[in-house]
Each structure stands twice: as structure tokens, then as C-alpha cells.
Amino acid sequence: LRKNLDAFESLTENIGILESAIAIASFREMMEEWSVPSLKRTDHVYLRTENIYHPMIDDPVKNSISVENGVLLTGSNASGKSTFLKTIAINGVLAQTIHTVLADSGESNFCQIYSSMALRDDLMSQESYYIVEIKSLKRILDHMEDEMPILCFVDEVLRGTNTVERIAASAQILKSLDRRNVMCFAATHDVELTYMLEKN
């Protein structure tokens, strides 16, 4: 083995590549529909997709979207806001990792992907839900100056905050995410935000 270390390393690398290819091929075979995305290197974020769907939902409702700036989703409970955010996020990760989107077509740029979703308070760290959420949002805001663009997902901005303060603070946070190199998908019950952020 010592005499043939280079050959052994090459062998294990090739086995790893083959295993990865088999896993990707198996995943694609399991999915109802998929396509190879078109990914570009740009200094701004954009997304175009036709009939995209979530991989864990049987008989999913497919959606199409073409955007070059942030998206604010509103709607009643159980209307699919969070599921749509997760659909775009999961497909964003799949596109950049295994070059697969669960859609008829998908086109976007290479980007960092962040989320502030499904948060919980942390009793062990003595952090309230509010603190956990603020830290999650700060993590996104801290990377806005990075060279690589950001695609981020925020479900119910400042959910654990009183209504008046939540709407005012949420509007400011989402306005700060309105940049050429950042695309934020945010879901909210606060319809007021649609008027406050209409220009963004």
C-alpha cells in the first residue's frame, strides 16, 4: 500500500465519484420530473423556473416564477407560503450541488444560500425565540458585502414580536436586503408589509 499510495488515492477518488454519480442518477430516477439547470456567474441574483415542485410532496402543485429582486409572499395559514419558500430553497441547493432542479427548467446564478426558517428557542443556551431569530437574520446581513451573491429565505420575519414593532422592524430588515446582489424570499401574514415594501 505504501508503494502504491498514489494509485490507491486515485482509486478511492474514482470510487467516490462513481458513488456520487450513482446517487444522483438514483435520485433523478425517483423524481417525477427534473432538468439540468443553467447556472451563471453574475454579480446580481436572478431566478427563472418553470413548474418547480417540492421533492417530498406527493402530487405537488407546481409553480413558475421569474424574478430579479426580492419576493414577499402573503397569504392565510396553510396557503403554501412556507412550502413555496422551501421548494425554491431546496431546488437552489440541488442546482448548485448535483446540477438538478425539480422543474421543467431552471436558470439562476451561483450564489450563497441562507435561511431563517423553522427556528426554535434554545433553553440550553438560554436564548429566547427572539434572540435566536435576530442571530439568524444577522448571519444573513453579515454576508451582504461578500463577493458572491446571496439567495436567502425568511419565514415570518420577527414572528415572536408584538405586531406594531414587528411590522416596523420587518420592513427595515427587508429593505436592507433590497440589493442587487441579494434576493430575499420572505413569507409573512402582515399584509401591511406589501404596501410598505411596494417599491422594493
C-alpha atoms as a PDB file:
ATOM      1  CA  LEU A   1       0.000   0.000   0.000  1.00  0.00           C
ATOM      2  CA  ARG A   2       2.811   2.418   0.851  1.00  0.00           C
ATOM      3  CA  LYS A   3       4.465   1.727  -2.502  1.00  0.00           C
ATOM      4  CA  ASN A   4       1.228   2.393  -4.393  1.00  0.00           C
ATOM      5  CA  LEU A   5      -0.228   5.250  -2.331  1.00  0.00           C
ATOM      6  CA  ASP A   6      -0.825   7.464  -5.380  1.00  0.00           C
ATOM      7  CA  ALA A   7      -2.715   4.688  -7.170  1.00  0.00           C
ATOM      8  CA  PHE A   8      -4.732   3.952  -4.015  1.00  0.00           C
ATOM      9  CA  GLU A   9      -5.717   7.621  -3.630  1.00  0.00           C
ATOM     10  CA  SER A  10      -6.729   7.737  -7.305  1.00  0.00           C
ATOM     11  CA  LEU A  11      -8.773   4.539  -6.862  1.00  0.00           C
ATOM     12  CA  THR A  12     -10.653   5.855  -3.804  1.00  0.00           C
ATOM     13  CA  GLU A  13     -11.309   9.200  -5.522  1.00  0.00           C
ATOM     14  CA  ASN A  14     -12.717   7.445  -8.600  1.00  0.00           C
ATOM     15  CA  ILE A  15     -14.901   5.190  -6.442  1.00  0.00           C
ATOM     16  CA  GLY A  16     -16.215   8.301  -4.671  1.00  0.00           C
ATOM     17  CA  ILE A  17     -17.039   9.982  -7.979  1.00  0.00           C
ATOM     18  CA  LEU A  18     -18.831   6.842  -9.214  1.00  0.00           C
ATOM     19  CA  GLU A  19     -20.799   6.518  -5.944  1.00  0.00           C
ATOM     20  CA  SER A  20     -21.842  10.174  -6.201  1.00  0.00           C
ATOM     21  CA  ALA A  21     -22.903   9.735  -9.828  1.00  0.00           C
ATOM     22  CA  ILE A  22     -24.948   6.638  -8.922  1.00  0.00           C
ATOM     23  CA  ALA A  23     -26.633   8.508  -6.041  1.00  0.00           C
ATOM     24  CA  ILE A  24     -27.510  11.453  -8.301  1.00  0.00           C
ATOM     25  CA  ALA A  25     -28.792   9.140 -11.045  1.00  0.00           C
ATOM     26  CA  SER A  26     -30.911   7.234  -8.485  1.00  0.00           C
ATOM     27  CA  PHE A  27     -32.355  10.486  -7.121  1.00  0.00           C
ATOM     28  CA  ARG A  28     -33.216  11.690 -10.619  1.00  0.00           C
ATOM     29  CA  GLU A  29     -34.840   8.335 -11.409  1.00  0.00           C
ATOM     30  CA  MET A  30     -37.032   8.624  -8.282  1.00  0.00           C
ATOM     31  CA  MET A  31     -38.270  12.088  -9.148  1.00  0.00           C
ATOM     32  CA  GLU A  32     -41.309  12.689 -11.326  1.00  0.00           C
ATOM     33  CA  GLU A  33     -39.612  15.371 -13.448  1.00  0.00           C
ATOM     34  CA  TRP A  34     -36.235  17.063 -13.352  1.00  0.00           C
ATOM     35  CA  SER A  35     -33.950  19.086 -15.559  1.00  0.00           C
ATOM     36  CA  VAL A  36     -30.372  20.297 -15.667  1.00  0.00           C
ATOM     37  CA  PRO A  37     -30.238  23.939 -14.553  1.00  0.00           C
ATOM     38  CA  SER A  38     -28.466  26.759 -16.339  1.00  0.00           C
ATOM     39  CA  LEU A  39     -26.147  28.399 -13.788  1.00  0.00           C
ATOM     40  CA  LYS A  40     -24.154  31.540 -14.474  1.00  0.00           C
ATOM     41  CA  ARG A  41     -21.654  33.662 -12.571  1.00  0.00           C
ATOM     42  CA  THR A  42     -23.108  37.144 -12.163  1.00  0.00           C
ATOM     43  CA  ASP A  43     -22.838  39.968  -9.643  1.00  0.00           C
ATOM     44  CA  HIS A  44     -26.621  40.091  -9.243  1.00  0.00           C
ATOM     45  CA  VAL A  45     -29.196  37.480  -8.354  1.00  0.00           C
ATOM     46  CA  TYR A  46     -31.929  36.277 -10.678  1.00  0.00           C
ATOM     47  CA  LEU A  47     -34.153  33.211 -10.872  1.00  0.00           C
ATOM     48  CA  ARG A  48     -36.314  31.773 -13.630  1.00  0.00           C
ATOM     49  CA  THR A  49     -38.039  28.431 -13.327  1.00  0.00           C
ATOM     50  CA  GLU A  50     -40.985  26.646 -14.907  1.00  0.00           C
ATOM     51  CA  ASN A  51     -43.175  24.174 -12.996  1.00  0.00           C
ATOM     52  CA  ILE A  52     -40.920  23.791  -9.976  1.00  0.00           C
ATOM     53  CA  TYR A  53     -42.013  21.452  -7.176  1.00  0.00           C
ATOM     54  CA  HIS A  54     -41.036  20.152  -3.726  1.00  0.00           C
ATOM     55  CA  PRO A  55     -39.485  16.653  -3.722  1.00  0.00           C
ATOM     56  CA  MET A  56     -41.239  15.462  -0.554  1.00  0.00           C
ATOM     57  CA  ILE A  57     -44.823  16.188  -1.625  1.00  0.00           C
ATOM     58  CA  ASP A  58     -46.962  13.605  -3.375  1.00  0.00           C
ATOM     59  CA  ASP A  59     -48.933  15.093  -6.270  1.00  0.00           C
ATOM     60  CA  PRO A  60     -47.436  18.595  -5.752  1.00  0.00           C
ATOM     61  CA  VAL A  61     -48.774  21.873  -7.057  1.00  0.00           C
ATOM     62  CA  LYS A  62     -46.114  23.164  -9.461  1.00  0.00           C
ATOM     63  CA  ASN A  63     -45.262  26.835  -9.747  1.00  0.00           C
ATOM     64  CA  SER A  64     -43.366  29.051 -12.171  1.00  0.00           C
ATOM     65  CA  ILE A  65     -41.529  32.242 -11.284  1.00  0.00           C
ATOM     66  CA  SER A  66     -39.185  34.720 -12.937  1.00  0.00           C
ATOM     67  CA  VAL A  67     -37.659  37.351 -10.642  1.00  0.00           C
ATOM     68  CA  GLU A  68     -34.666  39.654 -10.372  1.00  0.00           C
ATOM     69  CA  ASN A  69     -35.386  41.157  -6.962  1.00  0.00           C
ATOM     70  CA  GLY A  70     -36.900  40.191  -3.619  1.00  0.00           C
ATOM     71  CA  VAL A  71     -40.195  38.356  -3.234  1.00  0.00           C
ATOM     72  CA  LEU A  72     -42.699  38.915  -0.420  1.00  0.00           C
ATOM     73  CA  LEU A  73     -45.303  36.159  -0.054  1.00  0.00           C
ATOM     74  CA  THR A  74     -48.509  36.805   1.863  1.00  0.00           C
ATOM     75  CA  GLY A  75     -51.498  34.612   2.459  1.00  0.00           C
ATOM     76  CA  SER A  76     -53.614  32.885   5.057  1.00  0.00           C
ATOM     77  CA  ASN A  77     -52.497  29.985   7.226  1.00  0.00           C
ATOM     78  CA  ALA A  78     -51.886  26.742   5.309  1.00  0.00           C
ATOM     79  CA  SER A  79     -51.889  28.553   1.954  1.00  0.00           C
ATOM     80  CA  GLY A  80     -48.448  27.221   0.988  1.00  0.00           C
ATOM     81  CA  LYS A  81     -46.138  30.173   1.753  1.00  0.00           C
ATOM     82  CA  SER A  82     -43.559  28.166   3.709  1.00  0.00           C
ATOM     83  CA  THR A  83     -43.765  25.248   1.293  1.00  0.00           C
ATOM     84  CA  PHE A  84     -43.042  27.565  -1.636  1.00  0.00           C
ATOM     85  CA  LEU A  85     -40.030  29.056   0.184  1.00  0.00           C
ATOM     86  CA  LYS A  86     -38.727  25.562   0.935  1.00  0.00           C
ATOM     87  CA  THR A  87     -39.318  24.494  -2.676  1.00  0.00           C
ATOM     88  CA  ILE A  88     -37.175  27.329  -4.034  1.00  0.00           C
ATOM     89  CA  ALA A  89     -34.519  26.827  -1.338  1.00  0.00           C
ATOM     90  CA  ILE A  90     -34.214  23.054  -1.809  1.00  0.00           C
ATOM     91  CA  ASN A  91     -34.019  23.409  -5.570  1.00  0.00           C
ATOM     92  CA  GLY A  92     -31.409  26.161  -5.184  1.00  0.00           C
ATOM     93  CA  VAL A  93     -29.232  23.772  -3.186  1.00  0.00           C
ATOM     94  CA  LEU A  94     -29.861  20.865  -5.594  1.00  0.00           C
ATOM     95  CA  ALA A  95     -28.992  23.037  -8.594  1.00  0.00           C
ATOM     96  CA  GLN A  96     -25.607  24.029  -7.191  1.00  0.00           C
ATOM     97  CA  THR A  97     -24.697  20.635  -5.717  1.00  0.00           C
ATOM     98  CA  ILE A  98     -25.976  17.861  -8.004  1.00  0.00           C
ATOM     99  CA  HIS A  99     -26.845  20.023 -11.035  1.00  0.00           C
ATOM    100  CA  THR A 100     -30.508  19.033 -10.855  1.00  0.00           C
ATOM    101  CA  VAL A 101     -33.725  21.031 -10.448  1.00  0.00           C
ATOM    102  CA  LEU A 102     -37.130  19.511  -9.899  1.00  0.00           C
ATOM    103  CA  ALA A 103     -38.781  21.550 -12.618  1.00  0.00           C
ATOM    104  CA  ASP A 104     -39.289  21.715 -16.362  1.00  0.00           C
ATOM    105  CA  SER A 105     -36.488  24.296 -16.450  1.00  0.00           C
ATOM    106  CA  GLY A 106     -34.370  26.335 -14.087  1.00  0.00           C
ATOM    107  CA  GLU A 107     -31.997  29.228 -14.603  1.00  0.00           C
ATOM    108  CA  SER A 108     -30.138  31.269 -11.993  1.00  0.00           C
ATOM    109  CA  ASN A 109     -26.710  32.368 -10.897  1.00  0.00           C
ATOM    110  CA  PHE A 110     -24.270  30.763  -8.493  1.00  0.00           C
ATOM    111  CA  CYS A 111     -24.930  32.167  -5.037  1.00  0.00           C
ATOM    112  CA  GLN A 112     -24.690  31.623  -1.312  1.00  0.00           C
ATOM    113  CA  ILE A 113     -27.916  30.255   0.170  1.00  0.00           C
ATOM    114  CA  TYR A 114     -29.080  31.256   3.655  1.00  0.00           C
ATOM    115  CA  SER A 115     -32.310  30.746   5.546  1.00  0.00           C
ATOM    116  CA  SER A 116     -34.069  31.956   8.643  1.00  0.00           C
ATOM    117  CA  MET A 117     -36.800  29.331   8.890  1.00  0.00           C
ATOM    118  CA  ALA A 118     -38.185  26.789  11.384  1.00  0.00           C
ATOM    119  CA  LEU A 119     -36.426  28.478  14.307  1.00  0.00           C
ATOM    120  CA  ARG A 120     -36.844  27.479  17.957  1.00  0.00           C
ATOM    121  CA  ASP A 121     -35.841  28.931  21.269  1.00  0.00           C
ATOM    122  CA  ASP A 122     -32.761  27.325  22.814  1.00  0.00           C
ATOM    123  CA  LEU A 123     -33.163  26.662  26.535  1.00  0.00           C
ATOM    124  CA  MET A 124     -29.683  25.159  26.852  1.00  0.00           C
ATOM    125  CA  SER A 125     -28.096  28.383  25.577  1.00  0.00           C
ATOM    126  CA  GLN A 126     -30.705  30.476  27.410  1.00  0.00           C
ATOM    127  CA  GLU A 127     -31.723  32.165  24.160  1.00  0.00           C
ATOM    128  CA  SER A 128     -35.327  33.204  23.581  1.00  0.00           C
ATOM    129  CA  TYR A 129     -37.022  32.732  20.228  1.00  0.00           C
ATOM    130  CA  TYR A 130     -36.466  36.434  19.546  1.00  0.00           C
ATOM    131  CA  ILE A 131     -32.691  36.186  20.149  1.00  0.00           C
ATOM    132  CA  VAL A 132     -32.417  33.044  18.011  1.00  0.00           C
ATOM    133  CA  GLU A 133     -34.263  34.821  15.188  1.00  0.00           C
ATOM    134  CA  ILE A 134     -32.176  38.001  15.449  1.00  0.00           C
ATOM    135  CA  LYS A 135     -28.963  35.938  15.290  1.00  0.00           C
ATOM    136  CA  SER A 136     -30.285  34.071  12.255  1.00  0.00           C
ATOM    137  CA  LEU A 137     -31.126  37.323  10.453  1.00  0.00           C
ATOM    138  CA  LYS A 138     -27.779  38.873  11.457  1.00  0.00           C
ATOM    139  CA  ARG A 139     -25.957  35.907   9.889  1.00  0.00           C
ATOM    140  CA  ILE A 140     -27.586  36.812   6.549  1.00  0.00           C
ATOM    141  CA  LEU A 141     -26.992  40.559   6.919  1.00  0.00           C
ATOM    142  CA  ASP A 142     -23.313  39.965   7.775  1.00  0.00           C
ATOM    143  CA  HIS A 143     -22.706  38.385   4.357  1.00  0.00           C
ATOM    144  CA  MET A 144     -24.313  41.056   2.166  1.00  0.00           C
ATOM    145  CA  GLU A 145     -20.922  42.555   1.298  1.00  0.00           C
ATOM    146  CA  ASP A 146     -19.490  39.205   0.136  1.00  0.00           C
ATOM    147  CA  GLU A 147     -18.365  38.903  -3.456  1.00  0.00           C
ATOM    148  CA  MET A 148     -20.745  36.026  -4.199  1.00  0.00           C
ATOM    149  CA  PRO A 149     -24.453  36.992  -4.379  1.00  0.00           C
ATOM    150  CA  ILE A 150     -26.939  35.778  -1.762  1.00  0.00           C
ATOM    151  CA  LEU A 151     -30.224  33.927  -2.109  1.00  0.00           C
ATOM    152  CA  CYS A 152     -31.986  33.954   1.266  1.00  0.00           C
ATOM    153  CA  PHE A 153     -35.256  32.754   2.742  1.00  0.00           C
ATOM    154  CA  VAL A 154     -37.040  34.279   5.729  1.00  0.00           C
ATOM    155  CA  ASP A 155     -40.248  32.718   7.029  1.00  0.00           C
ATOM    156  CA  GLU A 156     -42.399  35.068   9.125  1.00  0.00           C
ATOM    157  CA  VAL A 157     -39.965  37.884   9.886  1.00  0.00           C
ATOM    158  CA  LEU A 158     -39.778  38.550  13.644  1.00  0.00           C
ATOM    159  CA  ARG A 159     -42.675  36.196  14.369  1.00  0.00           C
ATOM    160  CA  GLY A 160     -42.094  36.392  18.127  1.00  0.00           C
ATOM    161  CA  THR A 161     -42.514  40.184  18.319  1.00  0.00           C
ATOM    162  CA  ASN A 162     -45.543  42.410  19.013  1.00  0.00           C
ATOM    163  CA  THR A 163     -47.456  43.396  15.873  1.00  0.00           C
ATOM    164  CA  VAL A 164     -46.609  47.107  15.630  1.00  0.00           C
ATOM    165  CA  GLU A 165     -42.901  46.598  16.391  1.00  0.00           C
ATOM    166  CA  ARG A 166     -42.752  43.508  14.163  1.00  0.00           C
ATOM    167  CA  ILE A 167     -44.134  45.295  11.099  1.00  0.00           C
ATOM    168  CA  ALA A 168     -41.851  48.330  11.516  1.00  0.00           C
ATOM    169  CA  ALA A 169     -38.712  46.263  12.179  1.00  0.00           C
ATOM    170  CA  SER A 170     -39.546  43.691   9.472  1.00  0.00           C
ATOM    171  CA  ALA A 171     -39.934  46.450   6.895  1.00  0.00           C
ATOM    172  CA  GLN A 172     -36.489  47.839   7.750  1.00  0.00           C
ATOM    173  CA  ILE A 173     -34.824  44.414   7.698  1.00  0.00           C
ATOM    174  CA  LEU A 174     -36.360  43.547   4.332  1.00  0.00           C
ATOM    175  CA  LYS A 175     -35.470  46.986   2.917  1.00  0.00           C
ATOM    176  CA  SER A 176     -31.852  46.399   3.908  1.00  0.00           C
ATOM    177  CA  LEU A 177     -31.950  43.121   1.938  1.00  0.00           C
ATOM    178  CA  ASP A 178     -33.060  45.013  -1.189  1.00  0.00           C
ATOM    179  CA  ARG A 179     -29.733  44.980  -3.034  1.00  0.00           C
ATOM    180  CA  ARG A 180     -28.518  43.986  -6.461  1.00  0.00           C
ATOM    181  CA  ASN A 181     -26.540  41.051  -5.053  1.00  0.00           C
ATOM    182  CA  VAL A 182     -29.257  39.787  -2.668  1.00  0.00           C
ATOM    183  CA  MET A 183     -32.531  38.053  -3.457  1.00  0.00           C
ATOM    184  CA  CYS A 184     -34.728  37.511  -0.431  1.00  0.00           C
ATOM    185  CA  PHE A 185     -37.828  35.336  -0.434  1.00  0.00           C
ATOM    186  CA  ALA A 186     -39.859  36.296   2.636  1.00  0.00           C
ATOM    187  CA  ALA A 187     -43.222  34.993   3.830  1.00  0.00           C
ATOM    188  CA  THR A 188     -45.486  36.970   6.135  1.00  0.00           C
ATOM    189  CA  HIS A 189     -49.018  37.292   7.472  1.00  0.00           C
ATOM    190  CA  ASP A 190     -48.509  41.047   7.741  1.00  0.00           C
ATOM    191  CA  VAL A 191     -50.246  42.365   4.621  1.00  0.00           C
ATOM    192  CA  GLU A 192     -49.149  45.879   5.639  1.00  0.00           C
ATOM    193  CA  LEU A 193     -45.621  44.970   4.536  1.00  0.00           C
ATOM    194  CA  THR A 194     -46.767  44.665   0.921  1.00  0.00           C
ATOM    195  CA  TYR A 195     -47.646  48.366   0.914  1.00  0.00           C
ATOM    196  CA  MET A 196     -44.561  49.431   2.858  1.00  0.00           C
ATOM    197  CA  LEU A 197     -42.229  47.470   0.554  1.00  0.00           C
ATOM    198  CA  GLU A 198     -44.041  48.033  -2.735  1.00  0.00           C
ATOM    199  CA  LYS A 199     -41.076  49.898  -4.258  1.00  0.00           C
ATOM    200  CA  ASN A 200     -38.610  47.256  -3.080  1.00  0.00           C
END
